[in-house]
């Protein structure tokens, strides 16, 4: 595979993500105009986003890259139970550490029932399930496998992971320290998702881990932060202002607690991969 095709394929995959997201939100906006409840529109947007991203990715891989989508980490949909369990345990454990070992107070956003439905539908379906799976299709599916074909598995894991971290900084007015935290955490979580995808042989497993993390950490239910989050139903406001534990401006996803969780899951996945290789 040529370098031009590899880089073009990676950029094309990112464009697919952006186009699918914009179109999904545009369609949802049209439904809002005809007075369909915002919560329902969020669900519609999420379904369109993930469905359109998959269809566009399949067309892109077959027509332009001349590669079967199965060879880009997207075989027949199947998820292993162990990764569902990991997907739940990781965010639940991270939150439990804060709730049990860090002092703070619960602050309600004061949302009414319609606002709660809108917030949770967006957090669970769009930001959670749809964004989680689409990002895995792009970063751990198309990009990782193209780079692996062109160079090697180390490059294929590292470059998309660093890129994944950078994506979460672009357009944000973060301080240098917060940006560094996000880059480190984003790269590490990208490596974690990559190991899950490699171990399981598909992005559907890294997708479920990613989606469950999004739902349980930033899904709009209970947020944990150094200040009240108006976009969550409830916030556990930490007394600590130490950026190592609060994660700085990005939040607990870039904290040392979350980073430790990423490392543990990554090492577990690597052990599974090595064990398979010996069989």
Protein backbone atom coordinates (compact mmCIF):
# COMPACT_ATOMS: atom_id res chain seq x y z
CA UNK A 1 0.00 0.00 0.00
CA UNK A 2 1.35 3.42 -0.95
CA UNK A 3 1.95 6.17 1.58
CA UNK A 4 -0.42 8.40 -0.36
CA UNK A 5 -3.22 5.84 -0.14
CA UNK A 6 -2.58 5.28 3.57
CA UNK A 7 -2.64 8.97 4.50
CA UNK A 8 -5.54 9.66 2.12
CA UNK A 9 -7.49 6.79 3.62
CA UNK A 10 -6.91 8.06 7.16
CA UNK A 11 -8.01 11.58 6.25
CA UNK A 12 -10.98 10.21 4.34
CA UNK A 13 -12.11 8.24 7.40
CA UNK A 14 -12.04 11.39 9.52
CA UNK A 15 -14.05 13.22 6.85
CA UNK A 16 -16.60 10.40 6.95
CA UNK A 17 -16.96 10.94 10.71
CA UNK A 18 -17.43 14.69 10.30
CA UNK A 19 -19.92 14.39 7.42
CA UNK A 20 -21.99 11.73 9.20
CA UNK A 21 -22.12 13.82 12.37
CA UNK A 22 -23.11 17.02 10.58
CA UNK A 23 -25.83 15.31 8.53
CA UNK A 24 -27.22 13.52 11.60
CA UNK A 25 -27.44 16.77 13.55
CA UNK A 26 -28.94 18.56 10.55
CA UNK A 27 -31.71 15.99 10.19
CA UNK A 28 -32.39 16.13 13.93
CA UNK A 29 -32.63 19.93 13.71
CA UNK A 30 -35.27 19.60 11.00
CA UNK A 31 -37.30 17.33 13.28
CA UNK A 32 -37.03 19.95 16.03
CA UNK A 33 -38.56 22.51 13.66
CA UNK A 34 -41.67 20.36 13.28
CA UNK A 35 -42.07 20.29 17.07
CA UNK A 36 -40.82 16.76 17.74
CA UNK A 37 -39.49 16.63 21.34
CA UNK A 38 -35.77 17.35 21.58
CA UNK A 39 -35.13 14.10 23.43
CA UNK A 40 -36.61 12.07 20.57
CA UNK A 41 -34.56 14.12 18.08
CA UNK A 42 -31.39 13.25 20.00
CA UNK A 43 -32.21 9.56 19.67
CA UNK A 44 -32.91 9.96 15.95
CA UNK A 45 -29.62 11.86 15.50
CA UNK A 46 -27.68 9.11 17.25
CA UNK A 47 -29.21 6.36 15.12
CA UNK A 48 -28.56 8.30 11.90
CA UNK A 49 -25.00 9.15 12.98
CA UNK A 50 -23.85 5.58 13.60
CA UNK A 51 -25.80 4.12 10.69
CA UNK A 52 -24.63 6.71 8.19
CA UNK A 53 -21.03 6.49 9.39
CA UNK A 54 -21.02 2.73 8.85
CA UNK A 55 -22.58 2.96 5.37
CA UNK A 56 -20.17 5.71 4.30
CA UNK A 57 -17.22 3.80 5.75
CA UNK A 58 -18.23 0.69 3.82
CA UNK A 59 -18.60 2.63 0.57
CA UNK A 60 -15.32 4.43 1.18
CA UNK A 61 -13.42 1.22 1.88
CA UNK A 62 -14.84 -0.75 -1.06
CA UNK A 63 -15.00 1.94 -3.74
CA UNK A 64 -11.97 4.08 -2.99
CA UNK A 65 -9.63 2.01 -0.86
CA UNK A 66 -10.55 -1.28 -2.55
CA UNK A 67 -10.46 -3.01 0.82
CA UNK A 68 -13.20 -5.12 2.39
CA UNK A 69 -14.59 -3.49 5.50
CA UNK A 70 -14.03 -6.76 7.36
CA UNK A 71 -10.30 -6.15 6.89
CA UNK A 72 -10.66 -2.76 8.55
CA UNK A 73 -11.75 -4.18 11.89
CA UNK A 74 -15.47 -4.30 11.08
CA UNK A 75 -16.56 -7.92 10.65
CA UNK A 76 -20.07 -9.19 11.41
CA UNK A 77 -21.35 -7.42 14.52
CA UNK A 78 -20.46 -9.36 17.66
CA UNK A 79 -19.44 -8.30 21.16
CA UNK A 80 -17.64 -10.41 23.76
CA UNK A 81 -19.19 -10.47 27.23
CA UNK A 82 -15.85 -9.80 28.93
CA UNK A 83 -15.52 -6.44 27.21
CA UNK A 84 -19.04 -5.44 28.24
CA UNK A 85 -18.06 -6.23 31.83
CA UNK A 86 -14.83 -4.24 31.50
CA UNK A 87 -16.76 -1.42 29.84
CA UNK A 88 -19.01 -1.15 32.90
CA UNK A 89 -16.41 -1.78 35.60
CA UNK A 90 -13.88 0.81 34.37
CA UNK A 91 -16.07 3.95 34.61
CA UNK A 92 -17.97 2.68 37.66
CA UNK A 93 -14.71 2.06 39.52
CA UNK A 94 -13.29 5.47 38.56
CA UNK A 95 -16.45 7.20 39.78
CA UNK A 96 -16.57 5.11 42.95
CA UNK A 97 -13.04 6.20 43.86
CA UNK A 98 -14.11 9.84 43.73
CA UNK A 99 -17.43 9.34 45.51
CA UNK A 100 -15.96 7.31 48.37
CA UNK A 101 -12.48 8.75 48.81
CA UNK A 102 -12.76 12.42 47.77
CA UNK A 103 -14.82 14.93 49.73
CA UNK A 104 -17.37 17.02 47.89
CA UNK A 105 -21.05 17.85 47.64
CA UNK A 106 -23.91 16.96 45.32
CA UNK A 107 -25.32 19.87 43.32
CA UNK A 108 -28.48 19.54 41.24
CA UNK A 109 -28.79 21.40 37.94
CA UNK A 110 -32.49 21.94 38.61
CA UNK A 111 -33.61 20.45 35.28
CA UNK A 112 -37.27 19.69 34.68
CA UNK A 113 -38.44 16.31 33.33
CA UNK A 114 -38.20 17.38 29.65
CA UNK A 115 -34.69 18.74 30.14
CA UNK A 116 -33.62 15.55 31.91
CA UNK A 117 -34.96 13.41 29.05
CA UNK A 118 -33.22 15.61 26.48
CA UNK A 119 -29.92 15.55 28.40
CA UNK A 120 -29.91 11.80 28.99
CA UNK A 121 -31.05 10.90 25.46
CA UNK A 122 -28.20 12.96 24.02
CA UNK A 123 -25.70 11.59 26.52
CA UNK A 124 -26.69 7.94 26.11
CA UNK A 125 -27.58 7.63 22.42
CA UNK A 126 -25.58 10.35 20.63
CA UNK A 127 -22.53 11.14 22.79
CA UNK A 128 -22.48 7.66 24.26
CA UNK A 129 -23.38 4.87 21.85
CA UNK A 130 -23.15 6.63 18.47
CA UNK A 131 -20.00 8.68 19.09
CA UNK A 132 -18.30 5.76 20.82
CA UNK A 133 -18.83 3.33 17.96
CA UNK A 134 -18.21 5.84 15.16
CA UNK A 135 -14.91 7.00 16.65
CA UNK A 136 -13.83 3.38 16.98
CA UNK A 137 -14.75 2.64 13.35
CA UNK A 138 -12.59 5.55 12.26
CA UNK A 139 -9.59 5.46 14.62
CA UNK A 140 -9.31 1.78 15.57
CA UNK A 141 -10.91 0.52 12.38
CA UNK A 142 -9.88 2.31 9.21
CA UNK A 143 -6.86 4.30 10.41
CA UNK A 144 -5.27 1.63 12.59
CA UNK A 145 -5.56 -1.09 9.96
CA UNK A 146 -4.29 1.10 7.11
CA UNK A 147 -1.24 2.08 9.15
CA UNK A 148 -0.64 -1.53 10.17
CA UNK A 149 -0.73 -2.59 6.52
CA UNK A 150 1.67 0.17 5.51
CA UNK A 151 4.09 0.12 8.44
CA UNK A 152 3.67 -2.01 11.60
CA UNK A 153 1.40 -2.57 14.57
CA UNK A 154 3.34 -0.20 16.87
CA UNK A 155 2.95 2.71 14.46
CA UNK A 156 -0.67 1.70 13.85
CA UNK A 157 -1.47 1.90 17.56
CA UNK A 158 0.55 4.97 18.50
CA UNK A 159 -0.29 7.43 15.69
CA UNK A 160 -4.12 7.13 15.87
CA UNK A 161 -3.89 7.29 19.67
CA UNK A 162 -1.89 10.52 19.65
CA UNK A 163 -4.24 11.88 16.99
CA UNK A 164 -7.19 10.88 19.19
CA UNK A 165 -5.69 12.89 22.04
CA UNK A 166 -5.06 15.91 19.80
CA UNK A 167 -8.65 15.87 18.52
CA UNK A 168 -9.85 16.52 22.08
CA UNK A 169 -7.66 19.62 22.33
CA UNK A 170 -8.39 21.25 18.96
CA UNK A 171 -10.71 24.22 19.31
CA UNK A 172 -10.54 24.21 23.12
CA UNK A 173 -9.20 27.16 25.09
CA UNK A 174 -7.25 25.00 27.54
CA UNK A 175 -4.19 26.02 29.53
CA UNK A 176 -0.87 24.39 28.65
CA UNK A 177 -1.11 22.06 31.66
CA UNK A 178 -4.67 20.99 30.84
CA UNK A 179 -3.75 20.47 27.19
CA UNK A 180 -0.82 18.27 28.23
CA UNK A 181 -3.07 16.23 30.53
CA UNK A 182 -5.62 15.73 27.75
CA UNK A 183 -2.93 14.71 25.27
CA UNK A 184 -1.46 12.15 27.67
CA UNK A 185 -4.85 10.78 28.75
CA UNK A 186 -6.25 10.83 25.20
CA UNK A 187 -3.23 8.96 23.87
CA UNK A 188 -3.39 6.40 26.67
CA UNK A 189 -7.12 5.77 26.26
CA UNK A 190 -6.54 5.48 22.51
CA UNK A 191 -3.92 2.80 23.15
CA UNK A 192 -6.36 1.06 25.49
CA UNK A 193 -9.11 0.99 22.86
CA UNK A 194 -6.57 -0.22 20.30
CA UNK A 195 -5.56 -3.15 22.50
CA UNK A 196 -9.20 -4.10 23.00
CA UNK A 197 -9.83 -3.98 19.23
CA UNK A 198 -6.69 -6.02 18.50
CA UNK A 199 -7.44 -8.63 21.16
CA UNK A 200 -11.04 -9.08 20.04
CA UNK A 201 -10.43 -8.71 16.31
CA UNK A 202 -13.05 -5.98 15.85
CA UNK A 203 -13.95 -2.40 16.68
CA UNK A 204 -17.30 -3.55 18.03
CA UNK A 205 -15.64 -4.55 21.30
CA UNK A 206 -13.57 -1.39 21.66
CA UNK A 207 -16.77 0.42 20.65
CA UNK A 208 -18.76 -1.01 23.54
CA UNK A 209 -15.99 -0.13 26.01
CA UNK A 210 -15.81 3.39 24.54
CA UNK A 211 -19.60 3.83 24.53
CA UNK A 212 -20.08 2.66 28.11
CA UNK A 213 -17.31 4.99 29.24
CA UNK A 214 -19.01 7.92 27.51
CA UNK A 215 -22.43 7.05 28.92
CA UNK A 216 -21.31 6.56 32.52
CA UNK A 217 -18.73 9.36 32.72
CA UNK A 218 -20.06 12.14 30.46
CA UNK A 219 -23.58 10.92 29.69
CA UNK A 220 -25.32 13.72 31.54
CA UNK A 221 -26.45 11.75 34.60
CA UNK A 222 -24.00 12.22 37.44
CA UNK A 223 -20.97 14.34 36.63
CA UNK A 224 -17.88 14.61 38.84
CA UNK A 225 -16.04 17.90 38.56
CA UNK A 226 -14.44 20.77 40.45
CA UNK A 227 -17.47 22.90 39.57
CA UNK A 228 -21.17 22.32 38.88
CA UNK A 229 -21.95 21.06 35.38
CA UNK A 230 -25.05 22.68 33.91
CA UNK A 231 -25.23 19.93 31.25
CA UNK A 232 -25.62 17.11 33.81
CA UNK A 233 -28.61 16.24 35.94
CA UNK A 234 -26.43 16.13 39.05
CA UNK A 235 -22.81 17.04 39.79
CA UNK A 236 -20.58 15.81 42.56
CA UNK A 237 -18.48 18.94 43.08
CA UNK A 238 -15.05 18.04 44.39
CA UNK A 239 -13.50 20.01 47.21
CA UNK A 240 -10.06 19.24 45.79
CA UNK A 241 -8.71 21.65 43.18
CA UNK A 242 -5.55 19.62 42.51
CA UNK A 243 -5.48 19.24 38.71
CA UNK A 244 -3.79 15.82 39.02
CA UNK A 245 -7.01 14.50 40.57
CA UNK A 246 -9.59 16.78 38.96
CA UNK A 247 -8.10 16.42 35.48
CA UNK A 248 -7.89 20.18 34.98
CA UNK A 249 -10.23 21.89 32.54
CA UNK A 250 -11.10 18.67 30.69
CA UNK A 251 -12.35 16.90 33.80
CA UNK A 252 -11.75 13.54 35.46
CA UNK A 253 -11.22 11.75 32.12
CA UNK A 254 -7.70 13.22 32.11
CA UNK A 255 -7.07 12.67 35.84
CA UNK A 256 -4.49 10.33 37.36
CA UNK A 257 -7.34 8.10 38.56
CA UNK A 258 -8.71 7.61 35.05
CA UNK A 259 -5.20 7.25 33.61
CA UNK A 260 -4.48 4.43 36.05
CA UNK A 261 -7.68 2.72 34.88
CA UNK A 262 -6.62 3.01 31.23
CA UNK A 263 -3.24 1.48 32.03
CA UNK A 264 -4.74 -1.47 33.91
CA UNK A 265 -7.17 -2.33 31.11
CA UNK A 266 -4.41 -1.90 28.52
CA UNK A 267 -2.09 -4.28 30.37
CA UNK A 268 -4.92 -6.80 30.78
CA UNK A 269 -5.63 -6.70 27.03
CA UNK A 270 -1.92 -7.09 26.21
CA UNK A 271 -1.74 -10.15 28.48
CA UNK A 272 -4.73 -11.66 26.66
CA UNK A 273 -3.10 -10.99 23.29
CA UNK A 274 0.16 -12.64 24.39
CA UNK A 275 -1.71 -15.60 25.84
CA UNK A 276 -3.51 -16.12 22.50
CA UNK A 277 -0.22 -15.92 20.64
CA UNK A 278 1.19 -18.79 22.70
CA UNK A 279 -1.76 -21.09 21.98
